Amino acid sequence: MSQEQVTSPPSLIDLLAKSTGQELVELRKLRDQAASTGQTLDRVLMTRGLDEAAVLSAFGEDLDMELITEFQGIQVPKLFVDNVPLSFARAHDMVAVKVDNGELVVVCAHPLDIHPQDDLVAMLPCAVRFALAPRGEITELINRAFRHRADGVDDALDDLEDTDIAGLAAEIEESEDLLDVANKAPIIKLVNSVLFQALKLRASDVHFQPYADRMQVRFRIDGILYDMESIPKNAQDAVTSRIKVMGKMDIAERRMPQDGRASIRIGDGEVDVRISVVPTAEGERCVLRLLDKTARTYNLDEIGLDEDNLKILKHYLSYPHGIILVTGPTGSGKTTTLYGGLTQISTGEKNILTIEDPVEYQLDGVSQVQVNTKKGLTFAAGLRSFLRQDPDVMMVGEIRDVETAEIAIRAAITGHLVFSTVHTNDAPSTITRLIDLGLESYLVSSSLVLVIAQRLVRTLCKTCHTWVEPEDQDVGTLRGIGLDPSMLKDGKMARSPGCDDCFHSGYQGRTAIYELLAMTEEMRELVMKNVSAAELKRAAIAGGMKTLRQDGMNKVIEGVTSPEEVMRVTQLDLM
């Protein structure tokens, strides 16, 4: 009988090397580092910026755990929501995705966190099977599953009593944890619970708006304001004072506007809050802008660029020098696009510097500087000092004046790639805007390589997404954006009638529509002649540029958004 050679299965390190493309020597060093620091290997690998899906794939093969990457249409079982606290699910990145043969399938992002897995099993009244999934997808599922829970806001409102309202909390910690509300005064608990709920629902702004009989809390989600809880009128001053304490403002000053900043934590994540308080006839109105530092940055292929535009952008990102400008109104996703571009070229071989106001997200391998006008650190001053830092790529948060524009152009002409933003309606008018600032047309034409105009449109909710025959009113709206019903796929258009997941709005999340104007030789000659923005636009369209509205039309055809959304955010194209 011939004896077959028995081969041992590949080790975890071998699987990681195969999956991630990393050298075995480097992976062994990381394994030793994890052992010496007491951290789990999966968390150490994540801090090194390795591809999460590749790492989880290797762990899944080694531990015989399923890797789930497709989450469309998944509903978190009610059994999980009813038995597991939100704080636990978020802290340990775990959520149930289905019930399979009597077993609750729970996905986790950290396969080696054994103790939290044991704790979860103890919380649930049924058998549990663990699988793996990327952290970002788990967070999104948790947010959707728990969004209808009150998150302590109702409890905090019930706890409010006149005696509590009279005495407000003293100074807060430097960075307060929103999850730590157990022993807090009711006013603090209320404000923390409102902010926690806002972050969970992906709100960008929280409004505390006073009325004659109440204080109304409103969240801006996907660019639209929604009314949330109402706070009793007798608690209004205490809530306002609490917010002022957070922002280190003067509590006694009630007749002048004030601005402040705060930093709050959710577990191990940190969120910057910009606070504005303005006196009104009904009392002081507070608006808090939330910047979640733990939110992930997006790659270029995730932000709404179609195949043609993505190819154009990647082409110009490889340029050694020149200016790439992104334009659009406030809140149109310009920073996300810039960060996506920087992430694309941040390979470790280039020295990348940014000056921003404020620094919204931390980028690995990029030196980020925050504007400080009180101390003289303006965009222009920062950009000027960057030129002495041997940079390859520089990003300026915004070109607001001729001084910043001139330094950016000088940097581009002397061999640097410069990214920045401006506020204009479309790509061609960006060029005339630079000239209106006082720049010479020959400098603009020789330094500018690409202008990107963009807008954010709400995307149709995937949970209640359906394809329907367009009705008469739909046909009118479609034609309003230049889309004939005959251009639709199978003569049908996408609709989301609304469900619990999307607040019955029909929309959930946002994507961008783009207009990319490349500076070809023809465009450079027109710029040198100081032609109008309308003429530049006609020439660009003749040269193959897709306008914002045309890109929006394509997204309507693909079922990504609605014609009403495209109509809302775009102006009529000048042909």
Protein backbone atom coordinates (compact mmCIF):
# COMPACT_ATOMS: atom_id res chain seq x y z
CA MET A 1 0.00 0.00 0.00
CA SER A 2 1.51 3.30 -1.05
CA GLN A 3 1.80 5.87 1.70
CA GLU A 4 0.49 9.23 0.60
CA GLN A 5 2.37 12.28 1.80
CA VAL A 6 0.27 14.23 4.28
CA THR A 7 0.50 18.00 3.73
CA SER A 8 -0.28 20.31 6.62
CA PRO A 9 -2.81 23.08 6.01
CA PRO A 10 -1.39 26.58 5.40
CA SER A 11 -0.80 28.72 8.49
CA LEU A 12 -2.67 31.96 9.15
CA ILE A 13 0.43 33.96 8.20
CA ASP A 14 0.63 32.09 4.86
CA LEU A 15 -3.05 32.78 4.22
CA LEU A 16 -2.59 36.48 5.06
CA ALA A 17 0.39 36.73 2.73
CA LYS A 18 -1.57 35.16 -0.09
CA SER A 19 -4.67 37.30 0.52
CA THR A 20 -3.05 40.70 1.18
CA GLY A 21 0.11 40.45 -0.94
CA GLN A 22 2.29 41.37 2.06
CA GLU A 23 5.74 39.84 2.66
CA LEU A 24 5.90 36.94 5.13
CA VAL A 25 8.70 38.67 7.07
CA GLU A 26 6.58 41.80 7.59
CA LEU A 27 3.54 39.75 8.67
CA ARG A 28 5.62 37.79 11.19
CA LYS A 29 6.87 41.08 12.66
CA LEU A 30 3.26 42.25 13.04
CA ARG A 31 2.34 38.94 14.69
CA ASP A 32 5.18 39.37 17.19
CA GLN A 33 4.14 42.99 17.79
CA ALA A 34 0.59 41.85 18.56
CA ALA A 35 1.90 39.24 21.00
CA SER A 36 4.17 41.72 22.81
CA THR A 37 1.53 44.47 23.11
CA GLY A 38 -1.41 42.25 24.04
CA GLN A 39 -3.41 43.36 21.01
CA THR A 40 -5.10 40.90 18.69
CA LEU A 41 -3.42 40.34 15.33
CA ASP A 42 -6.47 41.41 13.32
CA ARG A 43 -6.53 44.84 15.03
CA VAL A 44 -2.79 45.33 14.48
CA LEU A 45 -3.20 44.51 10.78
CA MET A 46 -6.05 47.04 10.47
CA THR A 47 -3.91 49.83 11.96
CA ARG A 48 -1.36 49.18 9.20
CA GLY A 49 -3.90 50.07 6.52
CA LEU A 50 -4.14 46.61 4.98
CA ASP A 51 -7.21 45.86 2.89
CA GLU A 52 -9.89 44.86 5.39
CA ALA A 53 -11.69 42.42 3.09
CA ALA A 54 -8.40 40.65 2.30
CA VAL A 55 -7.50 40.33 5.99
CA LEU A 56 -10.96 39.03 6.92
CA SER A 57 -10.86 36.57 4.02
CA ALA A 58 -7.66 35.02 5.42
CA PHE A 59 -9.06 34.84 8.95
CA GLY A 60 -12.27 33.33 7.62
CA GLU A 61 -10.37 30.55 5.87
CA ASP A 62 -8.20 29.89 8.92
CA LEU A 63 -11.06 29.89 11.45
CA ASP A 64 -13.63 28.31 9.10
CA MET A 65 -15.89 31.38 9.33
CA GLU A 66 -18.05 32.64 6.49
CA LEU A 67 -17.15 36.09 5.06
CA ILE A 68 -20.26 38.09 4.13
CA THR A 69 -19.79 41.03 1.77
CA GLU A 70 -23.23 41.46 0.19
CA PHE A 71 -25.64 43.38 2.45
CA GLN A 72 -28.33 44.65 0.09
CA GLY A 73 -31.80 43.96 1.44
CA ILE A 74 -30.57 42.51 4.75
CA GLN A 75 -32.85 43.16 7.75
CA VAL A 76 -31.40 42.76 11.24
CA PRO A 77 -33.57 40.24 13.17
CA LYS A 78 -35.75 41.81 15.88
CA LEU A 79 -34.43 39.21 18.33
CA PHE A 80 -30.99 40.87 18.20
CA VAL A 81 -32.29 44.45 18.56
CA ASP A 82 -34.47 43.49 21.55
CA ASN A 83 -31.74 41.66 23.48
CA VAL A 84 -28.45 43.40 22.68
CA PRO A 85 -27.73 46.98 23.85
CA LEU A 86 -26.79 49.40 21.09
CA SER A 87 -23.66 50.46 22.97
CA PHE A 88 -22.44 46.82 23.03
CA ALA A 89 -23.13 46.25 19.32
CA ARG A 90 -21.27 49.43 18.35
CA ALA A 91 -18.37 48.98 20.76
CA HIS A 92 -17.62 45.44 19.51
CA ASP A 93 -18.79 45.80 15.87
CA MET A 94 -21.31 42.95 15.94
CA VAL A 95 -24.77 42.65 14.42
CA ALA A 96 -27.09 39.81 13.42
CA VAL A 97 -27.92 39.44 9.73
CA LYS A 98 -30.31 36.46 9.57
CA VAL A 99 -31.77 33.39 11.26
CA ASP A 100 -30.56 30.17 9.61
CA ASN A 101 -31.95 26.79 10.71
CA GLY A 102 -32.72 28.12 14.19
CA GLU A 103 -29.28 29.73 14.54
CA LEU A 104 -28.82 33.50 14.70
CA VAL A 105 -26.01 34.45 12.29
CA VAL A 106 -24.00 37.33 13.78
CA VAL A 107 -21.32 39.10 11.74
CA CYS A 108 -18.30 40.62 13.50
CA ALA A 109 -15.32 42.66 12.29
CA HIS A 110 -12.83 41.38 14.88
CA PRO A 111 -12.62 37.57 14.69
CA LEU A 112 -10.19 37.26 17.61
CA ASP A 113 -12.32 39.17 20.15
CA ILE A 114 -13.39 36.00 21.96
CA HIS A 115 -14.71 37.52 25.22
CA PRO A 116 -17.24 39.90 23.56
CA GLN A 117 -18.44 36.94 21.48
CA ASP A 118 -19.02 34.92 24.68
CA ASP A 119 -20.85 37.89 26.25
CA LEU A 120 -23.10 38.17 23.19
CA VAL A 121 -23.99 34.48 23.29
CA ALA A 122 -25.03 34.92 26.94
CA MET A 123 -27.37 37.80 26.00
CA LEU A 124 -29.29 35.89 23.33
CA PRO A 125 -31.92 33.19 23.97
CA CYS A 126 -30.92 31.06 20.97
CA ALA A 127 -27.93 29.42 19.28
CA VAL A 128 -25.46 31.82 17.65
CA ARG A 129 -23.15 31.30 14.67
CA PHE A 130 -20.48 33.92 13.99
CA ALA A 131 -19.44 35.13 10.52
CA LEU A 132 -17.15 37.92 9.34
CA ALA A 133 -17.94 41.23 7.63
CA PRO A 134 -16.21 44.62 7.04
CA ARG A 135 -16.57 47.11 9.91
CA GLY A 136 -18.14 49.85 7.74
CA GLU A 137 -20.96 47.53 6.61
CA ILE A 138 -21.60 46.40 10.20
CA THR A 139 -21.81 50.01 11.40
CA GLU A 140 -24.33 50.83 8.66
CA LEU A 141 -26.46 47.81 9.60
CA ILE A 142 -26.38 48.74 13.30
CA ASN A 143 -27.45 52.29 12.47
CA ARG A 144 -30.38 51.04 10.40
CA ALA A 145 -31.46 48.41 12.93
CA PHE A 146 -31.47 50.65 15.99
CA ARG A 147 -32.65 53.90 14.43
CA HIS A 148 -36.22 53.45 15.65
CA ARG A 149 -35.11 53.04 19.27
CA ALA A 150 -35.34 56.17 21.38
CA ASP A 151 -31.64 55.98 22.42
CA GLY A 152 -32.41 57.39 25.81
CA VAL A 153 -33.90 60.66 24.51
CA ASP A 154 -37.40 59.80 25.72
CA ASP A 155 -36.00 58.54 29.03
CA ALA A 156 -33.97 61.72 29.45
CA LEU A 157 -37.04 63.85 28.72
CA ASP A 158 -38.99 61.89 31.34
CA ASP A 159 -36.21 62.52 33.87
CA LEU A 160 -36.39 66.31 33.50
CA GLU A 161 -37.74 67.96 36.61
CA ASP A 162 -37.86 71.61 37.63
CA THR A 163 -35.32 71.01 40.37
CA ASP A 164 -32.91 69.48 37.89
CA ILE A 165 -33.33 72.30 35.39
CA ALA A 166 -32.49 74.99 37.91
CA GLY A 167 -28.98 73.74 38.60
CA LEU A 168 -26.96 73.16 35.45
CA ALA A 169 -23.87 70.96 35.19
CA ALA A 170 -20.45 72.50 35.66
CA GLU A 171 -17.49 72.29 33.28
CA ILE A 172 -17.34 69.14 31.18
CA GLU A 173 -14.38 66.95 30.46
CA GLU A 174 -12.12 67.80 27.54
CA SER A 175 -13.74 65.07 25.45
CA GLU A 176 -16.99 63.64 26.77
CA ASP A 177 -18.18 60.11 25.98
CA LEU A 178 -21.79 60.12 24.76
CA LEU A 179 -22.25 56.49 25.79
CA ASP A 180 -21.45 57.33 29.41
CA VAL A 181 -24.83 58.70 30.50
CA ALA A 182 -25.66 56.42 33.42
CA ASN A 183 -24.78 58.85 36.23
CA LYS A 184 -25.23 62.16 34.41
CA ALA A 185 -27.64 64.93 35.32
CA PRO A 186 -30.85 64.81 33.23
CA ILE A 187 -29.94 67.89 31.12
CA ILE A 188 -26.54 66.44 30.24
CA LYS A 189 -28.14 63.07 29.57
CA LEU A 190 -30.70 64.69 27.28
CA VAL A 191 -28.18 66.64 25.18
CA ASN A 192 -25.83 63.63 24.96
CA SER A 193 -28.70 61.36 23.91
CA VAL A 194 -29.82 63.79 21.20
CA LEU A 195 -26.26 63.99 19.81
CA PHE A 196 -25.88 60.21 19.93
CA GLN A 197 -29.12 59.73 18.04
CA ALA A 198 -28.00 62.33 15.47
CA LEU A 199 -24.73 60.52 14.83
CA LYS A 200 -26.49 57.19 14.54
CA LEU A 201 -28.85 58.58 11.91
CA ARG A 202 -25.90 60.06 9.95
CA ALA A 203 -27.05 63.64 10.64
CA SER A 204 -24.61 66.37 9.59
CA ASP A 205 -26.26 69.12 11.69
CA VAL A 206 -28.41 69.28 14.83
CA HIS A 207 -30.73 72.29 15.29
CA PHE A 208 -32.20 73.30 18.65
CA GLN A 209 -34.86 75.75 17.48
CA PRO A 210 -36.95 77.67 20.05
CA TYR A 211 -40.70 78.17 19.57
CA ALA A 212 -43.27 79.92 21.77
CA ASP A 213 -44.28 76.65 23.47
CA ARG A 214 -41.31 74.30 23.00
CA MET A 215 -37.75 73.79 21.78
CA GLN A 216 -37.76 71.69 18.59
CA VAL A 217 -34.85 69.37 17.79
CA ARG A 218 -34.20 68.98 14.07
CA PHE A 219 -31.66 66.79 12.25
CA ARG A 220 -30.24 67.44 8.78
CA ILE A 221 -29.95 64.02 7.13
CA ASP A 222 -28.81 63.72 3.51
CA GLY A 223 -29.24 67.47 3.13
CA ILE A 224 -32.89 67.58 4.32
CA LEU A 225 -34.11 68.80 7.74
CA TYR A 226 -36.34 66.46 9.78
CA ASP A 227 -38.24 67.35 12.97
CA MET A 228 -37.33 65.01 15.82
CA GLU A 229 -38.06 65.36 19.57
CA SER A 230 -39.64 68.40 21.23
CA ILE A 231 -38.05 69.64 24.47
CA PRO A 232 -40.32 71.35 27.08
CA LYS A 233 -40.10 75.16 27.03
CA ASN A 234 -39.06 75.27 30.69
CA ALA A 235 -35.93 73.25 29.86
CA GLN A 236 -34.90 75.51 26.96
CA ASP A 237 -32.51 77.78 28.89
CA ALA A 238 -30.85 74.84 30.63
CA VAL A 239 -30.29 73.00 27.35
CA THR A 240 -28.87 76.15 25.74
CA SER A 241 -26.57 76.73 28.72
CA ARG A 242 -25.41 73.11 28.57
CA ILE A 243 -24.54 73.52 24.87
CA LYS A 244 -22.68 76.76 25.67
CA VAL A 245 -20.68 74.97 28.38
CA MET A 246 -19.73 72.31 25.81
CA GLY A 247 -18.53 74.99 23.40
CA LYS A 248 -16.72 76.96 26.17
CA MET A 249 -18.90 80.04 25.57
CA ASP A 250 -20.14 82.73 27.95
CA ILE A 251 -23.33 81.40 29.61
CA ALA A 252 -24.36 84.87 30.78
CA GLU A 253 -24.23 86.42 27.29
CA ARG A 254 -27.68 86.03 25.73
CA ARG A 255 -27.93 89.01 23.37
CA MET A 256 -24.97 88.42 21.04
CA PRO A 257 -24.18 85.50 18.70
CA GLN A 258 -21.44 83.15 19.89
CA ASP A 259 -19.38 80.41 18.24
CA GLY A 260 -17.59 77.51 19.87
CA ARG A 261 -16.13 74.07 19.36
CA ALA A 262 -16.28 70.85 21.31
CA SER A 263 -14.97 67.32 21.02
CA ILE A 264 -17.15 64.38 22.04
CA ARG A 265 -16.49 60.65 22.08
CA ILE A 266 -18.59 57.63 21.25
CA GLY A 267 -16.71 54.74 22.80
CA ASP A 268 -13.28 54.90 21.15
CA GLY A 269 -14.41 57.20 18.29
CA GLU A 270 -14.14 60.98 18.36
CA VAL A 271 -16.44 63.62 16.85
CA ASP A 272 -15.69 67.33 16.40
CA VAL A 273 -18.65 69.63 16.99
CA ARG A 274 -18.83 73.22 15.72
CA ILE A 275 -21.43 75.17 17.69
CA SER A 276 -23.26 78.38 16.77
CA VAL A 277 -25.66 80.15 19.14
CA VAL A 278 -27.79 83.05 17.86
CA PRO A 279 -30.41 85.05 19.87
CA THR A 280 -33.95 85.07 18.39
CA ALA A 281 -37.31 86.44 19.54
CA GLU A 282 -38.24 83.10 21.13
CA GLY A 283 -34.87 82.49 22.77
CA GLU A 284 -31.42 81.37 21.71
CA ARG A 285 -31.18 79.06 18.72
CA CYS A 286 -28.30 76.53 18.64
CA VAL A 287 -26.91 74.72 15.61
CA LEU A 288 -24.27 72.00 15.98
CA ARG A 289 -22.27 70.78 12.96
CA LEU A 290 -21.01 67.23 13.50
CA LEU A 291 -17.72 66.02 11.99
CA ASP A 292 -17.26 62.34 12.73
CA LYS A 293 -13.51 61.61 12.72
CA THR A 294 -14.21 57.88 12.73
CA ALA A 295 -16.16 58.05 9.46
CA ARG A 296 -14.18 56.37 6.74
CA THR A 297 -12.85 58.18 3.72
CA TYR A 298 -14.13 56.98 0.36
CA ASN A 299 -12.17 55.68 -2.59
CA LEU A 300 -12.71 57.29 -5.99
CA ASP A 301 -14.76 54.36 -7.28
CA GLU A 302 -17.28 54.76 -4.41
CA ILE A 303 -18.29 58.41 -4.75
CA GLY A 304 -20.44 58.40 -7.90
CA LEU A 305 -17.92 58.80 -10.74
CA ASP A 306 -18.96 56.85 -13.83
CA GLU A 307 -16.40 54.86 -15.80
CA ASP A 308 -15.47 57.70 -18.19
CA ASN A 309 -15.12 60.37 -15.50
CA LEU A 310 -13.16 58.02 -13.23
CA LYS A 311 -10.72 57.33 -16.06
CA ILE A 312 -10.29 61.08 -16.72
CA LEU A 313 -9.71 61.89 -13.05
CA LYS A 314 -7.19 59.09 -12.52
CA HIS A 315 -5.32 60.27 -15.63
CA TYR A 316 -4.89 63.79 -14.27
CA LEU A 317 -4.04 62.57 -10.75
CA SER A 318 -0.91 61.01 -12.27
CA TYR A 319 0.31 64.43 -13.48
CA PRO A 320 3.52 65.63 -11.79
CA HIS A 321 2.35 69.25 -11.60
CA GLY A 322 -0.65 71.51 -12.21
CA ILE A 323 -3.81 72.57 -10.39
CA ILE A 324 -6.90 70.38 -9.97
CA LEU A 325 -9.90 72.37 -8.72
CA VAL A 326 -13.16 71.03 -7.28
CA THR A 327 -16.12 73.40 -7.32
CA GLY A 328 -19.63 73.40 -5.93
CA PRO A 329 -21.74 74.95 -3.16
CA THR A 330 -21.20 74.27 0.55
CA GLY A 331 -22.06 70.67 1.40
CA SER A 332 -21.65 69.29 -2.12
CA GLY A 333 -19.00 66.71 -1.18
CA LYS A 334 -15.94 68.60 -2.47
CA THR A 335 -13.75 67.55 0.46
CA THR A 336 -14.74 63.89 0.03
CA THR A 337 -13.65 64.02 -3.63
CA LEU A 338 -10.35 65.71 -2.71
CA TYR A 339 -9.65 63.13 0.01
CA GLY A 340 -10.47 60.35 -2.45
CA GLY A 341 -7.92 61.82 -4.88
CA LEU A 342 -5.27 62.15 -2.16
CA THR A 343 -5.89 58.58 -0.99
CA GLN A 344 -5.43 57.40 -4.60
CA ILE A 345 -1.96 58.96 -4.89
CA SER A 346 -0.81 58.50 -1.26
CA THR A 347 1.55 55.58 -1.89
CA GLY A 348 4.33 56.60 0.50
CA GLU A 349 6.54 57.77 -2.37
CA LYS A 350 5.18 61.32 -2.31
CA ASN A 351 5.30 64.08 0.29
CA ILE A 352 1.69 65.24 0.62
CA LEU A 353 0.72 68.33 2.67
CA THR A 354 -2.73 69.84 3.26
CA ILE A 355 -4.01 73.02 4.89
CA GLU A 356 -7.70 72.85 5.79
CA ASP A 357 -10.39 74.70 7.75
CA PRO A 358 -11.08 72.47 9.61
CA VAL A 359 -9.24 69.15 9.19
CA GLU A 360 -12.31 66.93 8.75
CA TYR A 361 -10.79 63.45 8.49
CA GLN A 362 -7.35 62.03 9.27
CA LEU A 363 -5.54 60.63 6.23
CA ASP A 364 -2.73 58.08 6.62
CA GLY A 365 0.61 59.28 5.29
CA VAL A 366 -0.61 62.87 4.77
CA SER A 367 0.58 65.86 6.85
CA GLN A 368 -2.54 67.92 7.63
CA VAL A 369 -2.46 71.48 8.98
CA GLN A 370 -5.46 73.38 10.39
CA VAL A 371 -6.02 77.07 9.57
CA ASN A 372 -5.64 79.42 12.56
CA THR A 373 -6.44 82.95 11.41
CA LYS A 374 -6.08 84.42 14.92
CA LYS A 375 -2.41 83.45 14.89
CA GLY A 376 -1.85 84.38 11.25
CA LEU A 377 -2.00 80.86 9.80
CA THR A 378 -4.17 81.52 6.75
CA PHE A 379 -4.49 79.42 3.58
CA ALA A 380 -1.98 81.71 1.86
CA ALA A 381 0.51 81.67 4.76
CA GLY A 382 0.30 77.89 5.08
CA LEU A 383 0.71 77.34 1.36
CA ARG A 384 3.71 79.66 1.28
CA SER A 385 5.41 77.73 4.08
CA PHE A 386 4.59 74.40 2.38
CA LEU A 387 6.84 75.37 -0.53
CA ARG A 388 9.81 75.09 1.87
CA GLN A 389 8.76 71.59 2.98
CA ASP A 390 9.88 69.82 -0.22
CA PRO A 391 6.32 68.82 -1.21
CA ASP A 392 5.17 66.74 -4.17
CA VAL A 393 1.43 67.31 -3.66
CA MET A 394 -0.36 70.11 -1.78
CA MET A 395 -4.02 70.61 -0.93
CA VAL A 396 -5.45 74.01 -0.03
CA GLY A 397 -8.90 73.87 1.56
CA GLU A 398 -10.25 76.78 -0.47
CA ILE A 399 -9.07 79.52 -2.82
CA ARG A 400 -10.81 82.59 -1.40
CA ASP A 401 -8.58 85.45 -2.51
CA VAL A 402 -6.04 86.44 -5.14
CA GLU A 403 -3.08 85.90 -2.78
CA THR A 404 -3.91 82.22 -2.22
CA ALA A 405 -4.63 81.77 -5.94
CA GLU A 406 -1.30 83.32 -6.96
CA ILE A 407 0.71 81.12 -4.58
CA ALA A 408 -1.17 78.01 -5.78
CA ILE A 409 -0.41 78.88 -9.41
CA ARG A 410 3.24 79.57 -8.61
CA ALA A 411 3.46 76.18 -6.88
CA ALA A 412 1.88 74.44 -9.89
CA ILE A 413 4.20 76.14 -12.38
CA THR A 414 7.27 75.24 -10.31
CA GLY A 415 6.52 71.52 -10.41
CA HIS A 416 3.94 70.69 -7.74
CA LEU A 417 0.50 69.10 -8.00
CA VAL A 418 -2.01 71.34 -6.19
CA PHE A 419 -5.59 70.49 -5.15
CA SER A 420 -8.11 73.08 -4.02
CA THR A 421 -11.77 74.13 -4.03
CA VAL A 422 -13.66 77.21 -5.18
CA HIS A 423 -17.32 78.24 -5.03
CA THR A 424 -18.83 78.50 -8.54
CA ASN A 425 -21.89 77.09 -10.31
CA ASP A 426 -20.16 74.88 -12.85
CA ALA A 427 -16.73 73.93 -14.20
CA PRO A 428 -16.36 76.57 -16.98
CA SER A 429 -17.31 79.48 -14.70
CA THR A 430 -14.47 78.43 -12.38
CA ILE A 431 -11.98 79.59 -14.99
CA THR A 432 -13.61 83.00 -15.39
CA ARG A 433 -13.84 83.26 -11.59
CA LEU A 434 -10.05 82.90 -11.27
CA ILE A 435 -9.53 85.60 -13.87
CA ASP A 436 -12.07 87.84 -12.11
CA LEU A 437 -10.03 87.44 -8.91
CA GLY A 438 -7.21 89.22 -10.71
CA LEU A 439 -5.11 86.39 -12.15
CA GLU A 440 -3.62 86.72 -15.62
CA SER A 441 -5.34 84.49 -18.17
CA TYR A 442 -2.01 83.05 -19.39
CA LEU A 443 -1.18 81.89 -15.83
CA VAL A 444 -4.58 80.23 -15.46
CA SER A 445 -4.33 78.46 -18.84
CA SER A 446 -0.79 77.20 -18.19
CA SER A 447 -1.30 75.97 -14.60
CA LEU A 448 -4.86 74.58 -14.52
CA VAL A 449 -5.19 70.95 -15.68
CA LEU A 450 -8.66 69.85 -14.52
CA VAL A 451 -11.83 71.40 -13.06
CA ILE A 452 -14.40 69.17 -11.33
CA ALA A 453 -17.89 70.53 -10.62
CA GLN A 454 -20.17 68.44 -8.45
CA ARG A 455 -23.48 68.28 -6.58
CA LEU A 456 -24.90 65.76 -4.13
CA VAL A 457 -28.16 63.98 -4.97
CA ARG A 458 -30.06 61.74 -2.59
CA THR A 459 -30.05 58.09 -3.61
CA LEU A 460 -33.22 56.03 -3.74
CA CYS A 461 -33.77 53.77 -0.73
CA LYS A 462 -32.62 50.22 -1.56
CA THR A 463 -35.07 48.62 0.84
CA CYS A 464 -38.22 49.85 -0.97
CA HIS A 465 -36.60 50.30 -4.42
CA THR A 466 -38.83 49.27 -7.34
CA TRP A 467 -39.13 49.81 -11.12
CA VAL A 468 -42.35 51.34 -12.44
CA GLU A 469 -43.85 52.63 -15.69
CA PRO A 470 -43.58 56.45 -15.68
CA GLU A 471 -46.90 58.25 -15.18
CA ASP A 472 -47.86 61.47 -16.98
CA GLN A 473 -46.38 63.72 -14.27
CA ASP A 474 -43.18 61.63 -14.29
CA VAL A 475 -42.85 62.10 -18.05
CA GLY A 476 -42.99 65.88 -17.57
CA THR A 477 -40.28 65.76 -14.88
CA LEU A 478 -38.10 63.45 -16.99
CA ARG A 479 -38.34 65.80 -19.97
CA GLY A 480 -37.55 68.69 -17.62
CA ILE A 481 -34.05 67.27 -17.14
CA GLY A 482 -33.73 66.42 -20.84
CA LEU A 483 -34.59 62.74 -20.55
CA ASP A 484 -37.07 61.19 -22.99
CA PRO A 485 -39.01 58.17 -21.65
CA SER A 486 -37.75 56.15 -24.63
CA MET A 487 -34.22 56.42 -23.15
CA LEU A 488 -35.22 54.53 -19.99
CA LYS A 489 -34.29 50.87 -19.49
CA ASP A 490 -37.22 48.76 -20.70
CA GLY A 491 -39.31 51.95 -20.50
CA LYS A 492 -39.26 51.86 -16.68
CA MET A 493 -37.93 54.27 -14.06
CA ALA A 494 -36.86 53.58 -10.47
CA ARG A 495 -39.00 54.68 -7.54
CA SER A 496 -38.80 54.18 -3.76
CA PRO A 497 -42.26 54.78 -2.25
CA GLY A 498 -40.87 55.04 1.29
CA CYS A 499 -40.46 52.69 4.25
CA ASP A 500 -39.35 52.70 7.89
CA ASP A 501 -35.69 52.47 6.86
CA CYS A 502 -35.81 55.80 4.95
CA PHE A 503 -38.23 57.75 7.22
CA HIS A 504 -40.81 57.20 4.44
CA SER A 505 -38.91 59.73 2.31
CA GLY A 506 -37.91 57.26 -0.42
CA TYR A 507 -34.25 58.27 -0.09
CA GLN A 508 -31.34 56.93 1.90
CA GLY A 509 -27.77 58.15 1.50
CA ARG A 510 -26.29 60.40 -1.16
CA THR A 511 -24.04 60.20 -4.18
CA ALA A 512 -22.45 62.84 -6.37
CA ILE A 513 -23.03 63.93 -9.96
CA TYR A 514 -20.01 65.32 -11.78
CA GLU A 515 -18.87 67.62 -14.56
CA LEU A 516 -15.18 67.24 -15.50
CA LEU A 517 -13.57 69.94 -17.62
CA ALA A 518 -10.11 68.96 -18.86
CA MET A 519 -7.81 71.77 -20.02
CA THR A 520 -7.10 70.69 -23.57
CA GLU A 521 -5.12 72.84 -26.00
CA GLU A 522 -8.38 74.18 -27.46
CA MET A 523 -9.59 75.19 -23.98
CA ARG A 524 -6.25 76.86 -23.19
CA GLU A 525 -6.49 78.97 -26.35
CA LEU A 526 -10.03 80.05 -25.45
CA VAL A 527 -8.93 80.98 -21.92
CA MET A 528 -6.10 83.10 -23.37
CA LYS A 529 -8.74 84.96 -25.42
CA ASN A 530 -10.75 85.73 -22.25
CA VAL A 531 -13.98 84.29 -23.69
CA SER A 532 -17.12 84.04 -21.52
CA ALA A 533 -18.05 81.05 -19.35
CA ALA A 534 -20.92 80.25 -21.74
CA GLU A 535 -18.52 79.98 -24.69
CA LEU A 536 -16.14 77.82 -22.64
CA LYS A 537 -19.05 75.54 -21.75
CA ARG A 538 -20.18 75.15 -25.35
CA ALA A 539 -16.63 74.31 -26.44
CA ALA A 540 -16.21 71.81 -23.58
CA ILE A 541 -19.50 70.04 -24.42
CA ALA A 542 -18.45 69.91 -28.08
CA GLY A 543 -15.21 68.33 -26.88
CA GLY A 544 -17.07 65.58 -25.03
CA MET A 545 -17.67 67.00 -21.54
CA LYS A 546 -20.68 65.57 -19.70
CA THR A 547 -22.55 68.31 -17.82
CA LEU A 548 -23.89 67.92 -14.29
CA ARG A 549 -27.39 67.41 -15.65
CA GLN A 550 -26.28 64.82 -18.20
CA ASP A 551 -24.49 62.85 -15.46
CA GLY A 552 -27.67 63.15 -13.38
CA MET A 553 -29.73 61.82 -16.30
CA ASN A 554 -27.49 58.74 -16.47
CA LYS A 555 -28.00 58.11 -12.74
CA VAL A 556 -31.79 58.36 -13.22
CA ILE A 557 -31.58 55.79 -16.05
CA GLU A 558 -29.49 53.50 -13.81
CA GLY A 559 -32.07 53.81 -11.01
CA VAL A 560 -29.67 55.46 -8.57
CA THR A 561 -31.68 58.65 -8.00
CA SER A 562 -34.89 60.37 -9.09
CA PRO A 563 -35.43 63.05 -11.76
CA GLU A 564 -36.76 65.38 -9.03
CA GLU A 565 -33.39 65.20 -7.24
CA VAL A 566 -31.46 66.00 -10.43
CA MET A 567 -33.81 68.89 -11.15
CA ARG A 568 -33.34 70.18 -7.58
CA VAL A 569 -29.55 70.40 -7.66
CA THR A 570 -28.74 71.35 -11.27
CA GLN A 571 -29.35 74.47 -13.27
CA LEU A 572 -30.28 74.51 -16.95
CA ASP A 573 -27.29 73.74 -19.13
CA LEU A 574 -26.15 76.52 -21.41
CA MET A 575 -25.76 75.00 -24.85
